[in-house]
Amino acid sequence: MMNRSLLNVVLLAAAGAATSWLVQNFLDQRKRKHVTRAKREIKEQLKTWEEEGGSLAPRAERRDIGTH
C-alpha cells in the first residue's frame, strides 16, 4: 500500500512539472513572437525613413548668454 501512494505522489509531481514546463514554454514563445514582430516593425520604419532621405534636421547653433 505504501508503494502505491508513493507512486501517486511521484506521478502527481511529474504531471505538475510537465504542466509548468508547458505553460512556461508557451509564454516564452508568445514573448519571442512579440519581440520579433516589434523588431520587424522598427526595421520597416527605418527602411522607410532611409528611403525618404533619412537625414535629421540641421542642428541649430547654441550661443551662451555671456558670449556675443
Protein backbone atom coordinates (compact mmCIF):
# COMPACT_ATOMS: atom_id res chain seq x y z
CA MET A 1 0.00 0.00 0.00
CA MET A 2 2.89 2.39 0.73
CA ASN A 3 4.33 1.83 -2.77
CA ARG A 4 1.06 2.78 -4.42
CA SER A 5 0.81 6.05 -2.51
CA LEU A 6 4.46 6.86 -3.27
CA LEU A 7 3.82 6.17 -6.95
CA ASN A 8 0.80 8.50 -6.91
CA VAL A 9 2.90 11.29 -5.37
CA VAL A 10 5.64 10.80 -7.96
CA LEU A 11 3.13 10.80 -10.82
CA LEU A 12 1.41 13.90 -9.47
CA ALA A 13 4.74 15.71 -9.14
CA ALA A 14 5.73 14.70 -12.69
CA ALA A 15 2.38 15.90 -14.05
CA GLY A 16 2.80 19.22 -12.24
CA ALA A 17 6.33 19.67 -13.57
CA ALA A 18 5.22 18.85 -17.12
CA THR A 19 2.31 21.29 -16.90
CA SER A 20 4.59 24.01 -15.54
CA TRP A 21 7.08 23.44 -18.35
CA LEU A 22 4.35 23.58 -21.00
CA VAL A 23 2.94 26.84 -19.65
CA GLN A 24 6.41 28.42 -19.42
CA ASN A 25 7.26 27.26 -22.94
CA PHE A 26 4.00 28.69 -24.29
CA LEU A 27 4.61 32.06 -22.62
CA ASP A 28 8.22 32.19 -23.89
CA GLN A 29 7.08 31.53 -27.46
CA ARG A 30 4.47 34.30 -27.24
CA LYS A 31 7.09 36.73 -25.95
CA ARG A 32 9.55 35.77 -28.70
CA LYS A 33 6.88 36.33 -31.35
CA HIS A 34 6.05 39.74 -29.89
CA VAL A 35 9.72 40.80 -29.80
CA THR A 36 10.30 39.54 -33.34
CA ARG A 37 7.23 41.43 -34.60
CA ALA A 38 8.37 44.63 -32.85
CA LYS A 39 11.88 44.34 -34.34
CA ARG A 40 10.39 43.78 -37.79
CA GLU A 41 8.24 46.90 -37.44
CA ILE A 42 11.23 49.00 -36.37
CA LYS A 43 13.30 47.73 -39.30
CA GLU A 44 10.45 48.60 -41.68
CA GLN A 45 10.16 52.10 -40.21
CA LEU A 46 13.91 52.63 -40.55
CA LYS A 47 13.83 51.41 -44.14
CA THR A 48 11.01 53.84 -44.96
CA TRP A 49 12.83 56.68 -43.19
CA GLU A 50 16.05 55.96 -45.09
CA GLU A 51 14.22 55.77 -48.41
CA GLU A 52 12.73 59.21 -47.74
CA GLY A 53 16.14 60.79 -47.26
CA GLY A 54 16.91 59.74 -43.74
CA SER A 55 18.58 62.93 -42.65
CA LEU A 56 18.00 64.79 -39.44
CA ALA A 57 17.08 68.45 -39.25
CA PRO A 58 20.13 70.75 -39.24
CA ARG A 59 21.45 71.32 -35.77
CA ALA A 60 20.86 74.84 -34.54
CA GLU A 61 23.88 76.61 -33.13
CA ARG A 62 23.64 77.44 -29.47
CA ARG A 63 25.11 80.57 -28.00
CA ASP A 64 25.89 81.10 -24.38
CA ILE A 65 24.25 84.15 -22.88
CA GLY A 66 27.61 85.59 -21.78
CA THR A 67 29.28 85.49 -25.23
CA HIS A 68 28.32 87.61 -28.23
